[in-house]
C-alpha atoms as a PDB file:
ATOM      1  CA  MET A   1       0.000   0.000   0.000  1.00  0.00           C
ATOM      2  CA  SER A   2       1.399   3.398  -0.922  1.00  0.00           C
ATOM      3  CA  THR A   3       1.980   6.053   1.728  1.00  0.00           C
ATOM      4  CA  ALA A   4      -0.697   8.244   0.139  1.00  0.00           C
ATOM      5  CA  HIS A   5      -3.396   5.658   0.842  1.00  0.00           C
ATOM      6  CA  ARG A   6      -2.181   4.399   4.219  1.00  0.00           C
ATOM      7  CA  PRO A   7      -4.806   5.129   6.914  1.00  0.00           C
ATOM      8  CA  THR A   8      -3.875   7.583   9.653  1.00  0.00           C
ATOM      9  CA  PRO A   9      -3.255   5.734  12.936  1.00  0.00           C
ATOM     10  CA  THR A  10      -5.690   6.665  15.699  1.00  0.00           C
ATOM     11  CA  GLY A  11      -4.263   8.869  18.401  1.00  0.00           C
ATOM     12  CA  MET A  12      -5.051   8.807  22.090  1.00  0.00           C
ATOM     13  CA  VAL A  13      -6.827  11.083  24.553  1.00  0.00           C
ATOM     14  CA  PHE A  14      -5.579  11.715  28.081  1.00  0.00           C
ATOM     15  CA  LEU A  15      -8.061  13.222  30.539  1.00  0.00           C
ATOM     16  CA  VAL A  16      -5.712  15.053  32.857  1.00  0.00           C
ATOM     17  CA  GLY A  17      -6.553  16.697  36.168  1.00  0.00           C
ATOM     18  CA  ALA A  18      -4.771  20.061  36.366  1.00  0.00           C
ATOM     19  CA  GLY A  19      -5.330  20.375  40.100  1.00  0.00           C
ATOM     20  CA  PRO A  20      -6.660  23.420  41.967  1.00  0.00           C
ATOM     21  CA  GLY A  21      -4.369  25.985  40.331  1.00  0.00           C
ATOM     22  CA  GLU A  22      -0.764  25.820  41.534  1.00  0.00           C
ATOM     23  CA  ALA A  23       1.377  23.951  38.985  1.00  0.00           C
ATOM     24  CA  ASP A  24       3.499  22.288  41.682  1.00  0.00           C
ATOM     25  CA  LEU A  25       0.406  20.338  42.777  1.00  0.00           C
ATOM     26  CA  LEU A  26       0.230  18.427  39.480  1.00  0.00           C
ATOM     27  CA  THR A  27       1.069  14.751  39.605  1.00  0.00           C
ATOM     28  CA  VAL A  28       4.379  13.812  38.002  1.00  0.00           C
ATOM     29  CA  ARG A  29       2.504  11.797  35.360  1.00  0.00           C
ATOM     30  CA  ALA A  30       0.215  14.730  34.530  1.00  0.00           C
ATOM     31  CA  ALA A  31       3.180  17.074  34.031  1.00  0.00           C
ATOM     32  CA  ARG A  32       4.943  14.582  31.756  1.00  0.00           C
ATOM     33  CA  ILE A  33       1.888  13.943  29.588  1.00  0.00           C
ATOM     34  CA  ILE A  34       1.057  17.647  29.252  1.00  0.00           C
ATOM     35  CA  ALA A  35       4.616  18.357  28.087  1.00  0.00           C
ATOM     36  CA  THR A  36       4.426  15.769  25.284  1.00  0.00           C
ATOM     37  CA  ALA A  37       0.906  16.463  23.948  1.00  0.00           C
ATOM     38  CA  ASP A  38       0.270  17.372  20.307  1.00  0.00           C
ATOM     39  CA  ALA A  39      -3.000  19.141  21.181  1.00  0.00           C
ATOM     40  CA  VAL A  40      -4.393  20.421  24.485  1.00  0.00           C
ATOM     41  CA  VAL A  41      -8.096  21.060  24.981  1.00  0.00           C
ATOM     42  CA  TYR A  42      -8.315  23.107  28.167  1.00  0.00           C
ATOM     43  CA  ASP A  43     -10.783  24.669  30.578  1.00  0.00           C
ATOM     44  CA  HIS A  44     -11.209  28.063  32.212  1.00  0.00           C
ATOM     45  CA  LEU A  45      -9.918  26.853  35.608  1.00  0.00           C
ATOM     46  CA  VAL A  46      -6.488  25.659  34.445  1.00  0.00           C
ATOM     47  CA  GLY A  47      -3.739  27.753  36.059  1.00  0.00           C
ATOM     48  CA  ASP A  48      -1.163  29.738  34.082  1.00  0.00           C
ATOM     49  CA  GLY A  49       1.682  27.697  35.557  1.00  0.00           C
ATOM     50  CA  VAL A  50       0.122  24.515  34.243  1.00  0.00           C
ATOM     51  CA  MET A  51      -0.417  26.044  30.807  1.00  0.00           C
ATOM     52  CA  ALA A  52       3.274  26.984  30.694  1.00  0.00           C
ATOM     53  CA  LEU A  53       4.155  23.267  30.598  1.00  0.00           C
ATOM     54  CA  ILE A  54       2.549  22.807  27.162  1.00  0.00           C
ATOM     55  CA  ARG A  55       4.914  22.473  24.205  1.00  0.00           C
ATOM     56  CA  ALA A  56       5.302  25.669  22.203  1.00  0.00           C
ATOM     57  CA  ASP A  57       4.293  23.896  18.974  1.00  0.00           C
ATOM     58  CA  ALA A  58       1.272  22.108  20.453  1.00  0.00           C
ATOM     59  CA  GLU A  59      -2.208  23.208  19.400  1.00  0.00           C
ATOM     60  CA  LYS A  60      -4.088  24.829  22.300  1.00  0.00           C
ATOM     61  CA  ILE A  61      -7.884  24.879  22.120  1.00  0.00           C
ATOM     62  CA  TYR A  62      -9.878  26.749  24.771  1.00  0.00           C
ATOM     63  CA  VAL A  63     -13.284  25.273  25.605  1.00  0.00           C
ATOM     64  CA  GLY A  64     -13.850  26.905  28.982  1.00  0.00           C
ATOM     65  CA  LYS A  65     -17.228  27.229  30.629  1.00  0.00           C
ATOM     66  CA  GLN A  66     -18.067  30.239  32.777  1.00  0.00           C
ATOM     67  CA  ALA A  67     -21.420  31.262  34.190  1.00  0.00           C
ATOM     68  CA  GLY A  68     -23.561  32.259  31.229  1.00  0.00           C
ATOM     69  CA  ASN A  69     -20.672  31.867  28.765  1.00  0.00           C
ATOM     70  CA  HIS A  70     -19.944  28.443  27.281  1.00  0.00           C
ATOM     71  CA  THR A  71     -17.331  28.491  24.507  1.00  0.00           C
ATOM     72  CA  LEU A  72     -18.471  25.078  23.258  1.00  0.00           C
ATOM     73  CA  ALA A  73     -21.371  22.875  24.253  1.00  0.00           C
ATOM     74  CA  GLN A  74     -20.372  19.599  25.915  1.00  0.00           C
ATOM     75  CA  ASN A  75     -21.410  17.515  22.895  1.00  0.00           C
ATOM     76  CA  ALA A  76     -19.186  19.657  20.695  1.00  0.00           C
ATOM     77  CA  ILE A  77     -16.239  19.130  23.059  1.00  0.00           C
ATOM     78  CA  ASN A  78     -16.808  15.370  22.960  1.00  0.00           C
ATOM     79  CA  GLU A  79     -16.806  15.420  19.158  1.00  0.00           C
ATOM     80  CA  LEU A  80     -13.685  17.606  19.093  1.00  0.00           C
ATOM     81  CA  LEU A  81     -11.738  15.065  21.162  1.00  0.00           C
ATOM     82  CA  VAL A  82     -12.793  12.264  18.829  1.00  0.00           C
ATOM     83  CA  ARG A  83     -11.859  14.279  15.739  1.00  0.00           C
ATOM     84  CA  LEU A  84      -8.400  15.199  17.055  1.00  0.00           C
ATOM     85  CA  ALA A  85      -7.635  11.601  18.042  1.00  0.00           C
ATOM     86  CA  LYS A  86      -8.796  10.245  14.677  1.00  0.00           C
ATOM     87  CA  ALA A  87      -6.303  12.625  13.081  1.00  0.00           C
ATOM     88  CA  GLY A  88      -3.546  10.703  14.874  1.00  0.00           C
ATOM     89  CA  ARG A  89      -2.881  13.285  17.596  1.00  0.00           C
ATOM     90  CA  GLN A  90      -1.901  12.704  21.210  1.00  0.00           C
ATOM     91  CA  VAL A  91      -4.569  14.815  22.892  1.00  0.00           C
ATOM     92  CA  VAL A  92      -4.693  16.120  26.452  1.00  0.00           C
ATOM     93  CA  ARG A  93      -8.099  17.109  27.768  1.00  0.00           C
ATOM     94  CA  LEU A  94      -6.938  19.392  30.570  1.00  0.00           C
ATOM     95  CA  LYS A  95      -9.410  20.042  33.382  1.00  0.00           C
ATOM     96  CA  GLY A  96      -9.149  22.026  36.596  1.00  0.00           C
ATOM     97  CA  GLY A  97      -9.135  19.794  39.662  1.00  0.00           C
ATOM     98  CA  ASP A  98      -9.941  16.155  38.941  1.00  0.00           C
ATOM     99  CA  PRO A  99     -11.665  14.938  35.745  1.00  0.00           C
ATOM    100  CA  PHE A 100     -14.099  12.701  37.630  1.00  0.00           C
ATOM    101  CA  ILE A 101     -15.237  15.198  40.290  1.00  0.00           C
ATOM    102  CA  PHE A 102     -17.681  17.613  38.635  1.00  0.00           C
ATOM    103  CA  GLY A 103     -15.384  17.653  35.613  1.00  0.00           C
ATOM    104  CA  ARG A 104     -17.680  15.874  33.110  1.00  0.00           C
ATOM    105  CA  GLY A 105     -14.917  13.377  32.489  1.00  0.00           C
ATOM    106  CA  GLY A 106     -17.378  10.500  32.505  1.00  0.00           C
ATOM    107  CA  GLU A 107     -19.408  12.078  29.703  1.00  0.00           C
ATOM    108  CA  GLU A 108     -16.315  12.560  27.565  1.00  0.00           C
ATOM    109  CA  ILE A 109     -14.893   9.068  27.910  1.00  0.00           C
ATOM    110  CA  LEU A 110     -18.283   7.530  27.139  1.00  0.00           C
ATOM    111  CA  GLN A 111     -18.077   9.271  23.766  1.00  0.00           C
ATOM    112  CA  LEU A 112     -14.471   8.149  23.304  1.00  0.00           C
ATOM    113  CA  THR A 113     -15.442   4.552  24.099  1.00  0.00           C
ATOM    114  CA  GLU A 114     -18.337   4.607  21.635  1.00  0.00           C
ATOM    115  CA  SER A 115     -16.000   5.994  18.957  1.00  0.00           C
ATOM    116  CA  GLY A 116     -13.253   3.428  19.583  1.00  0.00           C
ATOM    117  CA  ILE A 117     -10.732   6.010  20.807  1.00  0.00           C
ATOM    118  CA  PRO A 118      -8.149   4.786  23.354  1.00  0.00           C
ATOM    119  CA  PHE A 119      -7.902   6.953  26.457  1.00  0.00           C
ATOM    120  CA  GLU A 120      -6.360   7.263  29.889  1.00  0.00           C
ATOM    121  CA  VAL A 121      -7.539   9.179  32.954  1.00  0.00           C
ATOM    122  CA  VAL A 122      -4.893  10.975  35.026  1.00  0.00           C
ATOM    123  CA  PRO A 123      -6.394  12.071  38.371  1.00  0.00           C
ATOM    124  CA  GLY A 124      -5.667  15.452  39.898  1.00  0.00           C
ATOM    125  CA  VAL A 125      -5.972  17.191  43.260  1.00  0.00           C
ATOM    126  CA  THR A 126      -9.619  18.191  43.382  1.00  0.00           C
ATOM    127  CA  ALA A 127     -10.610  21.704  44.431  1.00  0.00           C
ATOM    128  CA  ALA A 128     -12.127  20.472  47.698  1.00  0.00           C
ATOM    129  CA  SER A 129      -8.893  19.063  49.097  1.00  0.00           C
ATOM    130  CA  GLY A 130      -6.669  21.731  47.537  1.00  0.00           C
ATOM    131  CA  ALA A 131      -8.722  24.685  48.740  1.00  0.00           C
ATOM    132  CA  ALA A 132      -9.277  23.209  52.181  1.00  0.00           C
ATOM    133  CA  ALA A 133      -5.594  22.469  52.696  1.00  0.00           C
ATOM    134  CA  PHE A 134      -4.456  25.941  51.626  1.00  0.00           C
ATOM    135  CA  ALA A 135      -7.204  27.656  53.632  1.00  0.00           C
ATOM    136  CA  GLY A 136      -6.280  25.764  56.811  1.00  0.00           C
ATOM    137  CA  ILE A 137      -9.604  23.904  56.992  1.00  0.00           C
ATOM    138  CA  PRO A 138      -9.346  20.124  57.490  1.00  0.00           C
ATOM    139  CA  LEU A 139     -12.319  18.493  55.813  1.00  0.00           C
ATOM    140  CA  THR A 140     -12.601  15.842  58.507  1.00  0.00           C
ATOM    141  CA  HIS A 141     -11.784  15.839  62.210  1.00  0.00           C
ATOM    142  CA  ARG A 142     -12.480  13.082  64.732  1.00  0.00           C
ATOM    143  CA  GLU A 143     -14.222  15.423  67.156  1.00  0.00           C
ATOM    144  CA  ILE A 144     -15.998  17.692  64.661  1.00  0.00           C
ATOM    145  CA  ALA A 145     -16.740  16.044  61.320  1.00  0.00           C
ATOM    146  CA  ARG A 146     -16.833  12.320  60.624  1.00  0.00           C
ATOM    147  CA  THR A 147     -18.249  12.655  57.119  1.00  0.00           C
ATOM    148  CA  CYS A 148     -17.596  14.961  54.184  1.00  0.00           C
ATOM    149  CA  VAL A 149     -20.022  15.519  51.309  1.00  0.00           C
ATOM    150  CA  LEU A 150     -19.193  17.045  47.926  1.00  0.00           C
ATOM    151  CA  ALA A 151     -21.979  18.721  45.960  1.00  0.00           C
ATOM    152  CA  THR A 152     -22.371  21.077  43.035  1.00  0.00           C
ATOM    153  CA  GLY A 153     -24.287  24.318  43.452  1.00  0.00           C
ATOM    154  CA  HIS A 154     -24.959  24.806  39.755  1.00  0.00           C
ATOM    155  CA  PHE A 155     -27.159  22.452  37.741  1.00  0.00           C
ATOM    156  CA  HIS A 156     -27.254  22.272  33.956  1.00  0.00           C
ATOM    157  CA  ASP A 157     -30.603  24.099  33.927  1.00  0.00           C
ATOM    158  CA  GLY A 158     -29.328  26.916  36.148  1.00  0.00           C
ATOM    159  CA  THR A 159     -31.157  25.797  39.289  1.00  0.00           C
ATOM    160  CA  CYS A 160     -29.775  24.786  42.669  1.00  0.00           C
ATOM    161  CA  ASP A 161     -32.053  22.131  44.172  1.00  0.00           C
ATOM    162  CA  LEU A 162     -30.021  19.739  46.301  1.00  0.00           C
ATOM    163  CA  ASP A 163     -30.909  17.044  48.821  1.00  0.00           C
ATOM    164  CA  TRP A 164     -30.975  19.604  51.611  1.00  0.00           C
ATOM    165  CA  GLN A 165     -32.114  17.120  54.267  1.00  0.00           C
ATOM    166  CA  SER A 166     -29.047  14.940  53.707  1.00  0.00           C
ATOM    167  CA  LEU A 167     -26.699  17.920  53.552  1.00  0.00           C
ATOM    168  CA  ALA A 168     -28.006  19.449  56.787  1.00  0.00           C
ATOM    169  CA  ARG A 169     -26.860  16.562  58.980  1.00  0.00           C
ATOM    170  CA  PRO A 170     -24.807  17.235  62.118  1.00  0.00           C
ATOM    171  CA  ASP A 171     -21.068  16.463  62.374  1.00  0.00           C
ATOM    172  CA  GLN A 172     -20.642  16.748  58.613  1.00  0.00           C
ATOM    173  CA  THR A 173     -18.548  18.941  56.329  1.00  0.00           C
ATOM    174  CA  ILE A 174     -20.257  20.203  53.180  1.00  0.00           C
ATOM    175  CA  VAL A 175     -18.163  21.261  50.188  1.00  0.00           C
ATOM    176  CA  ILE A 176     -20.067  22.930  47.371  1.00  0.00           C
ATOM    177  CA  TYR A 177     -18.458  23.479  43.988  1.00  0.00           C
ATOM    178  CA  MET A 178     -19.704  26.292  41.745  1.00  0.00           C
ATOM    179  CA  GLY A 179     -21.982  27.532  44.509  1.00  0.00           C
ATOM    180  CA  ILE A 180     -21.048  31.172  44.954  1.00  0.00           C
ATOM    181  CA  GLY A 181     -23.795  32.424  42.641  1.00  0.00           C
ATOM    182  CA  ALA A 182     -26.423  30.495  44.610  1.00  0.00           C
ATOM    183  CA  LEU A 183     -24.956  31.154  48.058  1.00  0.00           C
ATOM    184  CA  GLY A 184     -28.079  32.919  49.321  1.00  0.00           C
ATOM    185  CA  VAL A 185     -30.294  30.018  48.251  1.00  0.00           C
ATOM    186  CA  ILE A 186     -27.895  27.468  49.742  1.00  0.00           C
ATOM    187  CA  SER A 187     -27.659  29.274  53.069  1.00  0.00           C
ATOM    188  CA  GLU A 188     -31.403  29.707  53.420  1.00  0.00           C
ATOM    189  CA  ALA A 189     -32.183  26.108  52.451  1.00  0.00           C
ATOM    190  CA  LEU A 190     -29.663  24.552  54.839  1.00  0.00           C
ATOM    191  CA  ILE A 191     -30.922  26.650  57.748  1.00  0.00           C
ATOM    192  CA  ARG A 192     -34.513  25.787  56.865  1.00  0.00           C
ATOM    193  CA  HIS A 193     -33.650  22.092  56.948  1.00  0.00           C
ATOM    194  CA  GLY A 194     -32.085  22.226  60.392  1.00  0.00           C
ATOM    195  CA  LEU A 195     -28.487  23.425  60.143  1.00  0.00           C
ATOM    196  CA  ALA A 196     -27.751  26.075  62.785  1.00  0.00           C
ATOM    197  CA  PRO A 197     -27.455  29.653  61.449  1.00  0.00           C
ATOM    198  CA  ASP A 198     -24.163  30.080  63.343  1.00  0.00           C
ATOM    199  CA  THR A 199     -22.550  27.079  61.602  1.00  0.00           C
ATOM    200  CA  PRO A 200     -19.070  28.201  60.457  1.00  0.00           C
ATOM    201  CA  ALA A 201     -18.779  28.659  56.703  1.00  0.00           C
ATOM    202  CA  ALA A 202     -16.164  29.842  54.211  1.00  0.00           C
ATOM    203  CA  ALA A 203     -15.859  30.808  50.553  1.00  0.00           C
ATOM    204  CA  ILE A 204     -12.467  30.378  48.848  1.00  0.00           C
ATOM    205  CA  ARG A 205     -11.408  31.871  45.522  1.00  0.00           C
ATOM    206  CA  ASN A 206      -8.193  31.210  43.547  1.00  0.00           C
ATOM    207  CA  ALA A 207      -7.247  28.422  45.944  1.00  0.00           C
ATOM    208  CA  THR A 208      -3.518  27.502  46.154  1.00  0.00           C
ATOM    209  CA  LEU A 209      -2.473  30.587  44.156  1.00  0.00           C
ATOM    210  CA  PRO A 210      -0.797  33.730  45.551  1.00  0.00           C
ATOM    211  CA  SER A 211      -4.094  35.555  44.887  1.00  0.00           C
ATOM    212  CA  GLN A 212      -6.070  33.158  47.105  1.00  0.00           C
ATOM    213  CA  GLN A 213      -8.896  34.942  48.921  1.00  0.00           C
ATOM    214  CA  THR A 214     -10.915  33.418  51.757  1.00  0.00           C
ATOM    215  CA  VAL A 215     -14.044  34.881  53.320  1.00  0.00           C
ATOM    216  CA  VAL A 216     -15.137  33.315  56.609  1.00  0.00           C
ATOM    217  CA  GLY A 217     -18.375  33.770  58.515  1.00  0.00           C
ATOM    218  CA  THR A 218     -21.426  31.783  59.501  1.00  0.00           C
ATOM    219  CA  LEU A 219     -24.021  30.083  57.369  1.00  0.00           C
ATOM    220  CA  ALA A 220     -26.353  33.023  58.066  1.00  0.00           C
ATOM    221  CA  ASP A 221     -23.997  35.905  57.320  1.00  0.00           C
ATOM    222  CA  LEU A 222     -21.607  34.464  54.686  1.00  0.00           C
ATOM    223  CA  PRO A 223     -23.723  35.689  51.733  1.00  0.00           C
ATOM    224  CA  GLN A 224     -23.440  39.273  52.976  1.00  0.00           C
ATOM    225  CA  ARG A 225     -19.733  38.925  53.769  1.00  0.00           C
ATOM    226  CA  VAL A 226     -19.046  37.558  50.282  1.00  0.00           C
ATOM    227  CA  GLN A 227     -20.940  40.457  48.744  1.00  0.00           C
ATOM    228  CA  VAL A 228     -19.007  43.029  50.792  1.00  0.00           C
ATOM    229  CA  ALA A 229     -15.705  41.368  49.851  1.00  0.00           C
ATOM    230  CA  GLU A 230     -16.791  41.372  46.172  1.00  0.00           C
ATOM    231  CA  LEU A 231     -15.806  37.727  45.897  1.00  0.00           C
ATOM    232  CA  LYS A 232     -16.572  36.556  42.373  1.00  0.00           C
ATOM    233  CA  PRO A 233     -16.880  33.071  40.848  1.00  0.00           C
ATOM    234  CA  PRO A 234     -15.281  30.653  40.645  1.00  0.00           C
ATOM    235  CA  ALA A 235     -15.147  29.977  44.376  1.00  0.00           C
ATOM    236  CA  LEU A 236     -15.615  26.955  46.616  1.00  0.00           C
ATOM    237  CA  LEU A 237     -17.856  26.817  49.677  1.00  0.00           C
ATOM    238  CA  ILE A 238     -16.994  24.867  52.830  1.00  0.00           C
ATOM    239  CA  ILE A 239     -19.658  24.619  55.534  1.00  0.00           C
ATOM    240  CA  GLY A 240     -19.294  22.939  58.917  1.00  0.00           C
ATOM    241  CA  GLY A 241     -17.598  23.057  62.292  1.00  0.00           C
ATOM    242  CA  VAL A 242     -14.146  22.398  60.793  1.00  0.00           C
ATOM    243  CA  VAL A 243     -14.133  25.929  59.359  1.00  0.00           C
ATOM    244  CA  ALA A 244     -13.648  27.266  62.905  1.00  0.00           C
ATOM    245  CA  LEU A 245     -10.194  25.621  62.967  1.00  0.00           C
ATOM    246  CA  ARG A 246      -8.956  28.059  60.325  1.00  0.00           C
ATOM    247  CA  ASP A 247      -8.147  30.666  62.983  1.00  0.00           C
ATOM    248  CA  ARG A 248      -5.324  28.407  64.185  1.00  0.00           C
ATOM    249  CA  LEU A 249      -4.444  26.494  61.031  1.00  0.00           C
ATOM    250  CA  ASN A 250      -4.343  29.254  58.396  1.00  0.00           C
ATOM    251  CA  TRP A 251      -0.758  28.667  57.307  1.00  0.00           C
ATOM    252  CA  PHE A 252      -0.854  29.792  53.669  1.00  0.00           C
ATOM    253  CA  GLU A 253      -2.511  33.214  53.697  1.00  0.00           C
ATOM    254  CA  ARG A 254      -1.037  34.123  57.085  1.00  0.00           C
ATOM    255  CA  GLY A 255       2.435  33.206  55.822  1.00  0.00           C
ATOM    256  CA  ALA A 256       1.974  35.339  52.709  1.00  0.00           C
ATOM    257  CA  ALA A 257       0.859  38.317  54.820  1.00  0.00           C
ATOM    258  CA  GLU A 258       3.870  37.977  57.123  1.00  0.00           C
ATOM    259  CA  ALA A 259       6.401  37.552  54.301  1.00  0.00           C
END
C-alpha cells in the first residue's frame, strides 16, 4: 500500500486533572503527559503555571465554561476530542481539579469509548482538598466532622435544588463546587432544613495561588460577607464546624501576609 493511501493511525486522549491551580500540585505523570501532547483542549480553571508546561508547537484549544458563557457545548467538546484523536494526535483534555469530580470526564470518555478512541484518565488534586488544605480547613476531624459531602451548586438548567435534608446533617462537612452564585439560596435552604445559622462557613477563591482569597463567617452571614468582599466566581464553599479551625491552622494566607 502506498503512503498516500495508508490510513492515519488513531491517536489517544488523556483526561488530565490540572489540580486546583498551583502547577506544583500536578502529579508527576500529569506534568509529563502535558509536556508531550500534540494538542491540548483546556478549561477556564487551568492555572497559568500549568499552561506553561505545554509544548510551544502544540495546538491549544480553549473550551472553557463560565457562568452564562460556554465556549463550546459539551457535545461539541466530545466530538472535538474524537476528531483530534482520529487525526492521529496525542490529545490532552486538561481540566481544573480532577476529571471525575464535577469535571464531566465520565461524559467525555463515554463518547471516546463509543467511537473506539483509546484513552487514559490521570487524576488530579480536586478543588475540595486543595482549597481546604491551603485555607487551613481540614475536611474531617475526629471530634468535629466524621463525614464529608461534595456537591455542586450549579445544575445544567441553572437551578440549585439539592438534597438539603441529607446535607443538613450534624457532624458533617459540606463542600459545594460552583456555589457562589447560589450562596443565598444554599444558606437559606440549609438553615430551613435544620443546620444552625451560626454554623461556620467559608468561601475560597483562587485556591492555592498567591491571589487566594478566603471569606469566613457563619451560614447566616456568609452571603453578605461575600458580597461586601466582592468575591466573584469561581469559588468553593466549605460549611461545617471544621471551618472554625482556620483561625489556628491558616498557614498559607497568614504566611503570605507575614512575608
